PDB file of N, CA and C in Angstrom:
ATOM      1  N   MET A   1      -3.340   6.956 -15.544  1.00  0.00           N
ATOM      2  CA  MET A   1      -3.851   7.169 -16.891  1.00  0.00           C
ATOM      3  C   MET A   1      -5.214   6.540 -16.906  1.00  0.00           C
ATOM      4  N   PRO A   2      -6.054   7.257 -17.418  1.00  0.00           N
ATOM      5  CA  PRO A   2      -7.799   6.953 -17.407  1.00  0.00           C
ATOM      6  C   PRO A   2      -7.671   5.787 -18.561  1.00  0.00           C
ATOM      7  N   LEU A   3      -8.666   5.055 -18.431  1.00  0.00           N
ATOM      8  CA  LEU A   3      -9.005   4.203 -19.764  1.00  0.00           C
ATOM      9  C   LEU A   3      -9.231   4.650 -20.964  1.00  0.00           C
ATOM     10  N   GLN A   4      -8.408   4.071 -21.718  1.00  0.00           N
ATOM     11  CA  GLN A   4      -8.271   4.405 -23.191  1.00  0.00           C
ATOM     12  C   GLN A   4      -8.878   3.124 -24.171  1.00  0.00           C
ATOM     13  N   LEU A   5      -9.857   3.172 -24.666  1.00  0.00           N
ATOM     14  CA  LEU A   5     -10.631   2.056 -25.545  1.00  0.00           C
ATOM     15  C   LEU A   5     -10.050   2.507 -26.926  1.00  0.00           C
ATOM     16  N   SER A   6      -9.985   3.981 -27.263  1.00  0.00           N
ATOM     17  CA  SER A   6     -10.387   4.281 -28.645  1.00  0.00           C
ATOM     18  C   SER A   6      -8.579   4.189 -29.415  1.00  0.00           C
ATOM     19  N   LYS A   7      -7.862   4.412 -28.254  1.00  0.00           N
ATOM     20  CA  LYS A   7      -6.048   4.287 -28.882  1.00  0.00           C
ATOM     21  C   LYS A   7      -5.482   3.114 -28.466  1.00  0.00           C
ATOM     22  N   VAL A   8      -6.175   1.717 -28.899  1.00  0.00           N
ATOM     23  CA  VAL A   8      -5.570   0.448 -28.347  1.00  0.00           C
ATOM     24  C   VAL A   8      -4.444   0.217 -29.221  1.00  0.00           C
ATOM     25  N   HIS A   9      -4.161   0.500 -30.539  1.00  0.00           N
ATOM     26  CA  HIS A   9      -3.006   0.364 -31.232  1.00  0.00           C
ATOM     27  C   HIS A   9      -2.444   1.791 -31.594  1.00  0.00           C
ATOM     28  N   LEU A  10      -1.055   2.410 -31.483  1.00  0.00           N
ATOM     29  CA  LEU A  10      -0.811   3.746 -31.809  1.00  0.00           C
ATOM     30  C   LEU A  10      -0.031   3.534 -33.099  1.00  0.00           C
ATOM     31  N   THR A  11      -0.237   3.933 -34.273  1.00  0.00           N
ATOM     32  CA  THR A  11       0.508   3.760 -35.437  1.00  0.00           C
ATOM     33  C   THR A  11       1.295   4.937 -35.808  1.00  0.00           C
ATOM     34  N   GLU A  12       2.198   4.967 -36.872  1.00  0.00           N
ATOM     35  CA  GLU A  12       2.810   6.048 -37.471  1.00  0.00           C
ATOM     36  C   GLU A  12       3.030   5.428 -38.732  1.00  0.00           C
ATOM     37  N   LYS A  13       3.032   6.648 -39.775  1.00  0.00           N
ATOM     38  CA  LYS A  13       3.506   6.307 -41.197  1.00  0.00           C
ATOM     39  C   LYS A  13       4.666   6.179 -41.179  1.00  0.00           C
ATOM     40  N   ILE A  14       5.367   4.999 -42.265  1.00  0.00           N
ATOM     41  CA  ILE A  14       6.601   4.647 -42.635  1.00  0.00           C
ATOM     42  C   ILE A  14       7.009   5.949 -43.734  1.00  0.00           C
ATOM     43  N   SER A  15       7.824   6.608 -43.413  1.00  0.00           N
ATOM     44  CA  SER A  15       8.453   7.477 -44.238  1.00  0.00           C
ATOM     45  C   SER A  15       8.944   6.783 -45.518  1.00  0.00           C
ATOM     46  N   GLY A  16       9.031   7.502 -46.636  1.00  0.00           N
ATOM     47  CA  GLY A  16       9.063   6.882 -48.025  1.00  0.00           C
ATOM     48  C   GLY A  16       8.254   5.845 -48.349  1.00  0.00           C
ATOM     49  N   THR A  17       7.205   5.352 -48.147  1.00  0.00           N
ATOM     50  CA  THR A  17       6.015   4.577 -48.350  1.00  0.00           C
ATOM     51  C   THR A  17       4.807   5.356 -48.672  1.00  0.00           C
ATOM     52  N   TYR A  18       4.008   5.094 -49.347  1.00  0.00           N
ATOM     53  CA  TYR A  18       3.089   5.618 -49.694  1.00  0.00           C
ATOM     54  C   TYR A  18       1.816   5.573 -48.792  1.00  0.00           C
ATOM     55  N   ASN A  19       1.337   4.284 -48.309  1.00  0.00           N
ATOM     56  CA  ASN A  19       0.260   4.309 -47.416  1.00  0.00           C
ATOM     57  C   ASN A  19       0.586   3.020 -46.604  1.00  0.00           C
ATOM     58  N   GLU A  20       1.698   2.938 -45.897  1.00  0.00           N
ATOM     59  CA  GLU A  20       2.064   1.904 -45.118  1.00  0.00           C
ATOM     60  C   GLU A  20       2.232   2.608 -43.499  1.00  0.00           C
ATOM     61  N   SER A  21       2.029   1.967 -42.817  1.00  0.00           N
ATOM     62  CA  SER A  21       2.172   2.420 -41.236  1.00  0.00           C
ATOM     63  C   SER A  21       2.537   1.138 -40.214  1.00  0.00           C
ATOM     64  N   ARG A  22       3.075   1.483 -39.227  1.00  0.00           N
ATOM     65  CA  ARG A  22       3.385   0.412 -38.206  1.00  0.00           C
ATOM     66  C   ARG A  22       2.834   1.012 -36.865  1.00  0.00           C
ATOM     67  N   VAL A  23       2.836  -0.274 -36.076  1.00  0.00           N
ATOM     68  CA  VAL A  23       2.476  -0.030 -34.705  1.00  0.00           C
ATOM     69  C   VAL A  23       3.780   0.264 -33.840  1.00  0.00           C
ATOM     70  N   ILE A  24       3.431   1.450 -33.385  1.00  0.00           N
ATOM     71  CA  ILE A  24       4.705   1.915 -32.121  1.00  0.00           C
ATOM     72  C   ILE A  24       4.302   1.595 -30.607  1.00  0.00           C
ATOM     73  N   ARG A  25       3.030   1.419 -30.554  1.00  0.00           N
ATOM     74  CA  ARG A  25       2.852   1.145 -29.111  1.00  0.00           C
ATOM     75  C   ARG A  25       1.407   0.539 -28.889  1.00  0.00           C
ATOM     76  N   THR A  26       1.299  -0.400 -28.110  1.00  0.00           N
ATOM     77  CA  THR A  26      -0.138  -0.996 -27.719  1.00  0.00           C
ATOM     78  C   THR A  26      -0.412  -0.554 -26.366  1.00  0.00           C
ATOM     79  N   ASN A  27      -1.993  -0.373 -26.347  1.00  0.00           N
ATOM     80  CA  ASN A  27      -2.731  -0.378 -25.070  1.00  0.00           C
ATOM     81  C   ASN A  27      -3.666  -1.331 -24.979  1.00  0.00           C
ATOM     82  N   HIS A  28      -3.407  -2.390 -24.503  1.00  0.00           N
ATOM     83  CA  HIS A  28      -4.255  -3.406 -24.490  1.00  0.00           C
ATOM     84  C   HIS A  28      -5.134  -3.275 -23.164  1.00  0.00           C
ATOM     85  N   TYR A  29      -6.446  -4.043 -23.309  1.00  0.00           N
ATOM     86  CA  TYR A  29      -7.277  -4.022 -22.498  1.00  0.00           C
ATOM     87  C   TYR A  29      -8.066  -5.335 -22.417  1.00  0.00           C
ATOM     88  N   ILE A  30      -8.489  -5.761 -21.240  1.00  0.00           N
ATOM     89  CA  ILE A  30      -9.443  -7.254 -20.869  1.00  0.00           C
ATOM     90  C   ILE A  30     -10.743  -6.558 -20.449  1.00  0.00           C
ATOM     91  N   ARG A  31     -11.928  -7.076 -20.723  1.00  0.00           N
ATOM     92  CA  ARG A  31     -13.079  -6.553 -20.525  1.00  0.00           C
ATOM     93  C   ARG A  31     -13.653  -7.778 -19.792  1.00  0.00           C
ATOM     94  N   VAL A  32     -14.045  -7.657 -18.449  1.00  0.00           N
ATOM     95  CA  VAL A  32     -14.367  -8.637 -17.848  1.00  0.00           C
ATOM     96  C   VAL A  32     -15.959  -8.481 -17.145  1.00  0.00           C
ATOM     97  N   VAL A  33     -16.728  -9.637 -17.414  1.00  0.00           N
ATOM     98  CA  VAL A  33     -18.092  -9.508 -17.380  1.00  0.00           C
ATOM     99  C   VAL A  33     -18.629 -10.724 -16.923  1.00  0.00           C
ATOM    100  N   ALA A  34     -19.733 -10.620 -15.872  1.00  0.00           N
ATOM    101  CA  ALA A  34     -20.393 -11.665 -15.213  1.00  0.00           C
ATOM    102  C   ALA A  34     -21.610 -11.519 -15.072  1.00  0.00           C
ATOM    103  N   GLY A  35     -22.645 -12.272 -15.376  1.00  0.00           N
ATOM    104  CA  GLY A  35     -24.087 -12.186 -15.107  1.00  0.00           C
ATOM    105  C   GLY A  35     -24.550 -10.834 -15.929  1.00  0.00           C
ATOM    106  N   ASN A  36     -25.361 -10.180 -15.306  1.00  0.00           N
ATOM    107  CA  ASN A  36     -26.047  -8.776 -15.898  1.00  0.00           C
ATOM    108  C   ASN A  36     -25.218  -7.688 -15.408  1.00  0.00           C
ATOM    109  N   GLY A  37     -24.435  -7.945 -14.760  1.00  0.00           N
ATOM    110  CA  GLY A  37     -23.790  -6.437 -14.125  1.00  0.00           C
ATOM    111  C   GLY A  37     -22.869  -5.819 -15.051  1.00  0.00           C
ATOM    112  N   PRO A  38     -22.852  -4.478 -14.879  1.00  0.00           N
ATOM    113  CA  PRO A  38     -21.878  -3.867 -15.872  1.00  0.00           C
ATOM    114  C   PRO A  38     -20.279  -4.733 -15.945  1.00  0.00           C
ATOM    115  N   PRO A  39     -19.714  -4.128 -16.895  1.00  0.00           N
ATOM    116  CA  PRO A  39     -18.417  -4.827 -17.271  1.00  0.00           C
ATOM    117  C   PRO A  39     -17.099  -3.998 -16.407  1.00  0.00           C
ATOM    118  N   LEU A  40     -16.388  -4.592 -16.284  1.00  0.00           N
ATOM    119  CA  LEU A  40     -15.159  -3.882 -15.635  1.00  0.00           C
ATOM    120  C   LEU A  40     -14.076  -4.026 -16.499  1.00  0.00           C
ATOM    121  N   TYR A  41     -13.004  -3.136 -16.924  1.00  0.00           N
ATOM    122  CA  TYR A  41     -11.857  -3.079 -17.378  1.00  0.00           C
ATOM    123  C   TYR A  41     -10.395  -3.180 -16.648  1.00  0.00           C
ATOM    124  N   ILE A  42      -9.651  -3.906 -17.656  1.00  0.00           N
ATOM    125  CA  ILE A  42      -8.285  -4.014 -16.921  1.00  0.00           C
ATOM    126  C   ILE A  42      -7.594  -3.596 -17.939  1.00  0.00           C
ATOM    127  N   GLN A  43      -6.865  -2.427 -17.526  1.00  0.00           N
ATOM    128  CA  GLN A  43      -5.691  -1.724 -18.550  1.00  0.00           C
ATOM    129  C   GLN A  43      -4.593  -1.147 -17.874  1.00  0.00           C
ATOM    130  N   GLY A  44      -3.380  -1.258 -18.232  1.00  0.00           N
ATOM    131  CA  GLY A  44      -2.265  -0.493 -17.636  1.00  0.00           C
ATOM    132  C   GLY A  44      -2.058  -1.123 -16.230  1.00  0.00           C
ATOM    133  N   GLY A  45      -2.283  -2.350 -15.606  1.00  0.00           N
ATOM    134  CA  GLY A  45      -2.399  -2.757 -14.115  1.00  0.00           C
ATOM    135  C   GLY A  45      -3.356  -2.248 -13.358  1.00  0.00           C
ATOM    136  N   GLU A  46      -4.430  -1.387 -14.070  1.00  0.00           N
ATOM    137  CA  GLU A  46      -5.353  -1.016 -13.183  1.00  0.00           C
ATOM    138  C   GLU A  46      -6.753  -1.625 -13.440  1.00  0.00           C
ATOM    139  N   VAL A  47      -7.833  -1.385 -12.674  1.00  0.00           N
ATOM    140  CA  VAL A  47      -9.329  -1.745 -12.944  1.00  0.00           C
ATOM    141  C   VAL A  47      -9.996  -0.569 -13.130  1.00  0.00           C
ATOM    142  N   PHE A  48     -10.618  -0.404 -14.069  1.00  0.00           N
ATOM    143  CA  PHE A  48     -11.507   0.467 -14.338  1.00  0.00           C
ATOM    144  C   PHE A  48     -12.984   0.187 -14.374  1.00  0.00           C
ATOM    145  N   SER A  49     -14.099   0.925 -14.014  1.00  0.00           N
ATOM    146  CA  SER A  49     -15.583   0.836 -14.285  1.00  0.00           C
ATOM    147  C   SER A  49     -15.669   0.995 -15.672  1.00  0.00           C
ATOM    148  N   GLU A  50     -17.180   0.722 -15.913  1.00  0.00           N
ATOM    149  CA  GLU A  50     -17.661   0.843 -17.621  1.00  0.00           C
ATOM    150  C   GLU A  50     -17.388   2.312 -17.793  1.00  0.00           C
ATOM    151  N   GLY A  51     -17.910   3.281 -17.119  1.00  0.00           N
ATOM    152  CA  GLY A  51     -17.691   4.642 -17.600  1.00  0.00           C
ATOM    153  C   GLY A  51     -16.270   5.036 -17.550  1.00  0.00           C
ATOM    154  N   GLY A  52     -15.084   4.254 -17.223  1.00  0.00           N
ATOM    155  CA  GLY A  52     -13.937   4.931 -16.850  1.00  0.00           C
ATOM    156  C   GLY A  52     -13.156   5.305 -15.946  1.00  0.00           C
ATOM    157  N   PRO A  53     -13.599   5.665 -14.739  1.00  0.00           N
ATOM    158  CA  PRO A  53     -13.156   5.798 -13.505  1.00  0.00           C
ATOM    159  C   PRO A  53     -12.280   4.949 -12.954  1.00  0.00           C
ATOM    160  N   LEU A  54     -11.092   4.959 -12.539  1.00  0.00           N
ATOM    161  CA  LEU A  54     -10.322   3.960 -11.646  1.00  0.00           C
ATOM    162  C   LEU A  54     -11.013   3.672 -10.830  1.00  0.00           C
ATOM    163  N   MET A  55     -10.944   2.175 -10.366  1.00  0.00           N
ATOM    164  CA  MET A  55     -11.549   1.632  -9.268  1.00  0.00           C
ATOM    165  C   MET A  55     -10.687   1.243  -8.014  1.00  0.00           C
ATOM    166  N   GLU A  56     -10.745   1.586  -6.783  1.00  0.00           N
ATOM    167  CA  GLU A  56      -9.932   1.084  -5.786  1.00  0.00           C
ATOM    168  C   GLU A  56     -10.124  -0.670  -5.397  1.00  0.00           C
ATOM    169  N   GLU A  57      -9.406  -0.957  -4.821  1.00  0.00           N
ATOM    170  CA  GLU A  57      -9.523  -2.404  -4.805  1.00  0.00           C
ATOM    171  C   GLU A  57     -10.904  -2.878  -3.853  1.00  0.00           C
ATOM    172  N   LYS A  58     -10.909  -2.278  -2.581  1.00  0.00           N
ATOM    173  CA  LYS A  58     -12.294  -2.513  -1.784  1.00  0.00           C
ATOM    174  C   LYS A  58     -13.403  -2.131  -2.812  1.00  0.00           C
ATOM    175  N   ASP A  59     -13.480  -1.633  -3.744  1.00  0.00           N
ATOM    176  CA  ASP A  59     -14.925  -1.373  -4.458  1.00  0.00           C
ATOM    177  C   ASP A  59     -15.147  -2.170  -5.622  1.00  0.00           C
ATOM    178  N   ILE A  60     -14.050  -3.015  -5.696  1.00  0.00           N
ATOM    179  CA  ILE A  60     -14.240  -3.958  -7.015  1.00  0.00           C
ATOM    180  C   ILE A  60     -15.253  -5.164  -6.411  1.00  0.00           C
ATOM    181  N   PRO A  61     -16.364  -5.644  -7.027  1.00  0.00           N
ATOM    182  CA  PRO A  61     -17.249  -6.686  -6.618  1.00  0.00           C
ATOM    183  C   PRO A  61     -16.374  -8.060  -6.598  1.00  0.00           C
ATOM    184  N   ASP A  62     -16.983  -8.966  -5.908  1.00  0.00           N
ATOM    185  CA  ASP A  62     -16.547 -10.139  -5.647  1.00  0.00           C
ATOM    186  C   ASP A  62     -16.629 -11.095  -7.159  1.00  0.00           C
ATOM    187  N   TRP A  63     -17.556 -10.612  -7.767  1.00  0.00           N
ATOM    188  CA  TRP A  63     -17.620 -11.662  -9.024  1.00  0.00           C
ATOM    189  C   TRP A  63     -16.240 -11.475  -9.859  1.00  0.00           C
ATOM    190  N   PHE A  64     -15.865 -10.239  -9.758  1.00  0.00           N
ATOM    191  CA  PHE A  64     -14.438  -9.845 -10.821  1.00  0.00           C
ATOM    192  C   PHE A  64     -13.708 -10.728 -10.346  1.00  0.00           C
ATOM    193  N   TRP A  65     -13.346 -10.848  -9.448  1.00  0.00           N
ATOM    194  CA  TRP A  65     -11.894 -11.928  -8.842  1.00  0.00           C
ATOM    195  C   TRP A  65     -12.184 -13.284  -9.256  1.00  0.00           C
ATOM    196  N   VAL A  66     -13.485 -13.657  -9.123  1.00  0.00           N
ATOM    197  CA  VAL A  66     -13.827 -15.330  -9.818  1.00  0.00           C
ATOM    198  C   VAL A  66     -13.652 -15.059 -11.202  1.00  0.00           C
ATOM    199  N   GLU A  67     -14.025 -13.798 -12.014  1.00  0.00           N
ATOM    200  CA  GLU A  67     -13.703 -14.180 -13.547  1.00  0.00           C
ATOM    201  C   GLU A  67     -12.180 -13.835 -13.789  1.00  0.00           C
ATOM    202  N   VAL A  68     -11.864 -12.892 -12.791  1.00  0.00           N
ATOM    203  CA  VAL A  68     -10.466 -12.546 -13.350  1.00  0.00           C
ATOM    204  C   VAL A  68      -9.285 -13.950 -13.104  1.00  0.00           C
ATOM    205  N   CYS A  69      -9.676 -14.504 -12.234  1.00  0.00           N
ATOM    206  CA  CYS A  69      -8.799 -16.039 -12.068  1.00  0.00           C
ATOM    207  C   CYS A  69      -8.975 -16.839 -13.037  1.00  0.00           C
ATOM    208  N   LYS A  70      -9.779 -16.837 -13.910  1.00  0.00           N
ATOM    209  CA  LYS A  70     -10.144 -17.645 -15.086  1.00  0.00           C
ATOM    210  C   LYS A  70      -9.223 -17.340 -16.258  1.00  0.00           C
ATOM    211  N   LEU A  71      -8.753 -16.037 -16.014  1.00  0.00           N
ATOM    212  CA  LEU A  71      -7.499 -15.701 -17.204  1.00  0.00           C
ATOM    213  C   LEU A  71      -6.137 -16.108 -17.257  1.00  0.00           C
ATOM    214  N   SER A  72      -5.570 -16.288 -18.084  1.00  0.00           N
ATOM    215  CA  SER A  72      -4.166 -16.815 -17.979  1.00  0.00           C
ATOM    216  C   SER A  72      -3.376 -15.816 -17.841  1.00  0.00           C
ATOM    217  N   ASP A  73      -2.096 -16.481 -17.170  1.00  0.00           N
ATOM    218  CA  ASP A  73      -1.123 -15.408 -16.941  1.00  0.00           C
ATOM    219  C   ASP A  73      -0.672 -14.540 -17.903  1.00  0.00           C
ATOM    220  N   SER A  74      -0.360 -15.059 -19.368  1.00  0.00           N
ATOM    221  CA  SER A  74       0.104 -14.390 -20.300  1.00  0.00           C
ATOM    222  C   SER A  74      -1.039 -13.336 -20.555  1.00  0.00           C
ATOM    223  N   ALA A  75      -2.309 -13.527 -20.525  1.00  0.00           N
ATOM    224  CA  ALA A  75      -3.274 -12.439 -20.947  1.00  0.00           C
ATOM    225  C   ALA A  75      -2.913 -11.424 -19.832  1.00  0.00           C
ATOM    226  N   LEU A  76      -3.254 -11.790 -18.506  1.00  0.00           N
ATOM    227  CA  LEU A  76      -2.644 -10.626 -17.358  1.00  0.00           C
ATOM    228  C   LEU A  76      -1.552  -9.832 -17.670  1.00  0.00           C
ATOM    229  N   LYS A  77      -0.548 -10.595 -17.931  1.00  0.00           N
ATOM    230  CA  LYS A  77       0.742  -9.926 -18.336  1.00  0.00           C
ATOM    231  C   LYS A  77       0.779  -8.833 -19.292  1.00  0.00           C
ATOM    232  N   VAL A  78      -0.038  -9.177 -20.348  1.00  0.00           N
ATOM    233  CA  VAL A  78      -0.230  -7.887 -21.347  1.00  0.00           C
ATOM    234  C   VAL A  78      -0.771  -6.753 -20.719  1.00  0.00           C
ATOM    235  N   VAL A  79      -1.617  -6.815 -20.269  1.00  0.00           N
ATOM    236  CA  VAL A  79      -2.529  -5.795 -19.591  1.00  0.00           C
ATOM    237  C   VAL A  79      -1.795  -5.291 -18.223  1.00  0.00           C
ATOM    238  N   GLY A  80      -0.524  -5.949 -17.728  1.00  0.00           N
ATOM    239  CA  GLY A  80       0.288  -5.564 -16.604  1.00  0.00           C
ATOM    240  C   GLY A  80      -0.567  -5.560 -15.359  1.00  0.00           C
ATOM    241  N   TYR A  81      -1.398  -6.632 -15.248  1.00  0.00           N
ATOM    242  CA  TYR A  81      -2.245  -6.786 -14.208  1.00  0.00           C
ATOM    243  C   TYR A  81      -1.651  -7.796 -13.272  1.00  0.00           C
ATOM    244  N   GLU A  82      -1.531  -7.957 -11.810  1.00  0.00           N
ATOM    245  CA  GLU A  82      -1.399  -8.968 -11.058  1.00  0.00           C
ATOM    246  C   GLU A  82      -2.624  -9.249  -9.847  1.00  0.00           C
ATOM    247  N   ILE A  83      -3.116 -10.158 -10.052  1.00  0.00           N
ATOM    248  CA  ILE A  83      -4.065 -10.529  -9.001  1.00  0.00           C
ATOM    249  C   ILE A  83      -3.623 -10.693  -7.692  1.00  0.00           C
ATOM    250  N   PRO A  84      -4.053  -9.610  -6.613  1.00  0.00           N
ATOM    251  CA  PRO A  84      -3.695  -9.611  -5.292  1.00  0.00           C
ATOM    252  C   PRO A  84      -3.794 -11.020  -4.700  1.00  0.00           C
ATOM    253  N   LEU A  85      -2.647 -11.508  -4.002  1.00  0.00           N
ATOM    254  CA  LEU A  85      -2.395 -13.099  -3.569  1.00  0.00           C
ATOM    255  C   LEU A  85      -3.528 -13.161  -2.603  1.00  0.00           C
ATOM    256  N   GLU A  86      -4.162 -12.396  -1.923  1.00  0.00           N
ATOM    257  CA  GLU A  86      -5.265 -12.849  -0.920  1.00  0.00           C
ATOM    258  C   GLU A  86      -6.549 -12.930  -1.794  1.00  0.00           C
ATOM    259  N   LYS A  87      -6.484 -12.039  -2.621  1.00  0.00           N
ATOM    260  CA  LYS A  87      -7.928 -12.380  -3.569  1.00  0.00           C
ATOM    261  C   LYS A  87      -7.880 -13.739  -4.474  1.00  0.00           C
ATOM    262  N   TYR A  88      -6.591 -14.082  -4.916  1.00  0.00           N
ATOM    263  CA  TYR A  88      -6.501 -15.499  -5.819  1.00  0.00           C
ATOM    264  C   TYR A  88      -6.745 -16.501  -4.358  1.00  0.00           C
ATOM    265  N   ASN A  89      -6.342 -16.500  -3.364  1.00  0.00           N
ATOM    266  CA  ASN A  89      -6.408 -17.516  -2.589  1.00  0.00           C
ATOM    267  C   ASN A  89      -7.732 -17.580  -2.126  1.00  0.00           C
ATOM    268  N   ALA A  90      -8.238 -16.320  -1.965  1.00  0.00           N
ATOM    269  CA  ALA A  90      -9.850 -16.523  -1.693  1.00  0.00           C
ATOM    270  C   ALA A  90     -10.862 -17.259  -2.571  1.00  0.00           C
ATOM    271  N   VAL A  91     -10.418 -17.097  -4.081  1.00  0.00           N
ATOM    272  CA  VAL A  91     -11.107 -17.660  -5.099  1.00  0.00           C
ATOM    273  C   VAL A  91     -10.894 -19.018  -5.112  1.00  0.00           C
ATOM    274  N   GLN A  92      -9.506 -19.393  -4.733  1.00  0.00           N
ATOM    275  CA  GLN A  92      -9.290 -20.887  -4.840  1.00  0.00           C
ATOM    276  C   GLN A  92      -9.798 -21.579  -3.700  1.00  0.00           C
ATOM    277  N   ASN A  93     -10.189 -21.092  -2.594  1.00  0.00           N
ATOM    278  CA  ASN A  93     -10.771 -21.637  -1.392  1.00  0.00           C
ATOM    279  C   ASN A  93     -12.321 -21.742  -1.689  1.00  0.00           C
ATOM    280  N   LEU A  94     -12.956 -20.827  -2.314  1.00  0.00           N
ATOM    281  CA  LEU A  94     -14.330 -20.916  -2.513  1.00  0.00           C
ATOM    282  C   LEU A  94     -14.604 -22.087  -3.725  1.00  0.00           C
ATOM    283  N   LEU A  95     -13.492 -21.950  -4.555  1.00  0.00           N
ATOM    284  CA  LEU A  95     -13.821 -23.100  -5.653  1.00  0.00           C
ATOM    285  C   LEU A  95     -13.551 -24.455  -5.216  1.00  0.00           C
ATOM    286  N   ILE A  96     -12.809 -24.799  -4.094  1.00  0.00           N
ATOM    287  CA  ILE A  96     -12.570 -26.139  -3.500  1.00  0.00           C
ATOM    288  C   ILE A  96     -13.783 -26.312  -2.477  1.00  0.00           C
ATOM    289  N   THR A  97     -14.511 -25.582  -1.849  1.00  0.00           N
ATOM    290  CA  THR A  97     -15.367 -25.847  -0.436  1.00  0.00           C
ATOM    291  C   THR A  97     -16.905 -25.895  -1.437  1.00  0.00           C
ATOM    292  N   SER A  98     -17.022 -24.984  -2.654  1.00  0.00           N
ATOM    293  CA  SER A  98     -18.295 -24.970  -3.283  1.00  0.00           C
ATOM    294  C   SER A  98     -18.604 -26.418  -3.800  1.00  0.00           C
ATOM    295  N   GLU A  99     -20.014 -26.717  -3.523  1.00  0.00           N
ATOM    296  CA  GLU A  99     -20.549 -28.045  -4.253  1.00  0.00           C
ATOM    297  C   GLU A  99     -20.603 -27.871  -5.607  1.00  0.00           C
ATOM    298  N   PRO A 100     -20.375 -29.121  -6.384  1.00  0.00           N
ATOM    299  CA  PRO A 100     -20.282 -29.081  -7.630  1.00  0.00           C
ATOM    300  C   PRO A 100     -21.874 -28.635  -7.959  1.00  0.00           C
ATOM    301  N   PRO A 101     -22.070 -28.089  -9.392  1.00  0.00           N
ATOM    302  CA  PRO A 101     -23.330 -28.131  -9.876  1.00  0.00           C
ATOM    303  C   PRO A 101     -24.355 -29.247  -9.897  1.00  0.00           C
ATOM    304  N   PRO A 102     -25.570 -29.406 -10.019  1.00  0.00           N
ATOM    305  CA  PRO A 102     -26.455 -30.625 -10.036  1.00  0.00           C
ATOM    306  C   PRO A 102     -26.112 -30.916 -11.476  1.00  0.00           C
ATOM    307  N   PRO A 103     -26.332 -32.183 -11.376  1.00  0.00           N
ATOM    308  CA  PRO A 103     -26.097 -32.806 -13.258  1.00  0.00           C
ATOM    309  C   PRO A 103     -27.652 -32.493 -13.853  1.00  0.00           C
ATOM    310  N   VAL A 104     -27.227 -32.270 -14.867  1.00  0.00           N
ATOM    311  CA  VAL A 104     -28.315 -31.743 -16.169  1.00  0.00           C
ATOM    312  C   VAL A 104     -29.063 -32.870 -16.448  1.00  0.00           C
ATOM    313  N   ALA A 105     -30.367 -32.606 -16.125  1.00  0.00           N
ATOM    314  CA  ALA A 105     -31.485 -33.596 -16.509  1.00  0.00           C
ATOM    315  C   ALA A 105     -31.384 -33.835 -17.888  1.00  0.00           C
ATOM    316  N   ALA A 106     -31.503 -35.286 -18.307  1.00  0.00           N
ATOM    317  CA  ALA A 106     -31.563 -35.820 -19.947  1.00  0.00           C
ATOM    318  C   ALA A 106     -32.867 -35.713 -20.177  1.00  0.00           C
ATOM    319  N   GLY A 107     -33.004 -35.211 -21.252  1.00  0.00           N
ATOM    320  CA  GLY A 107     -34.464 -34.899 -21.879  1.00  0.00           C
ATOM    321  C   GLY A 107     -34.497 -34.935 -23.195  1.00  0.00           C
ATOM    322  N   ARG A 108     -35.854 -34.899 -23.858  1.00  0.00           N
ATOM    323  CA  ARG A 108     -35.792 -35.168 -25.295  1.00  0.00           C
ATOM    324  C   ARG A 108     -35.930 -33.304 -25.831  1.00  0.00           C
ATOM    325  N   ARG A 109     -34.869 -33.266 -26.719  1.00  0.00           N
ATOM    326  CA  ARG A 109     -34.935 -31.685 -27.327  1.00  0.00           C
ATOM    327  C   ARG A 109     -36.228 -31.422 -28.135  1.00  0.00           C
ATOM    328  N   ARG A 110     -36.784 -30.737 -28.083  1.00  0.00           N
ATOM    329  CA  ARG A 110     -37.827 -30.257 -29.160  1.00  0.00           C
ATOM    330  C   ARG A 110     -37.277 -29.534 -30.296  1.00  0.00           C
ATOM    331  N   ARG A 111     -37.971 -29.705 -31.310  1.00  0.00           N
ATOM    332  CA  ARG A 111     -37.518 -29.117 -32.765  1.00  0.00           C
ATOM    333  C   ARG A 111     -38.324 -28.053 -33.202  1.00  0.00           C
TER     334      ARG A 111
END
């Protein structure tokens, strides 16, 4: 199924009412962004590029895995996505072995 950003909530009119409707299906997505690169989308357990084409795992940039590992399990469950174990482990190893960022220099703020 292609990426669908326009029909995230599908509704139907409730019969016997004037102007009420109910949500019959949801099609949630998550937009993942890092730096100045183009965003990627997760929907229906798949990863899509900004233009909408489905991306294969081998074509997904490394920054995506770092950012997607920051998401909660419940958020990933809503969009039906499971991080591949080898990608999750690679990100965890990267976080463990990377040096902490240098401390921010204290200085006086200008008004």
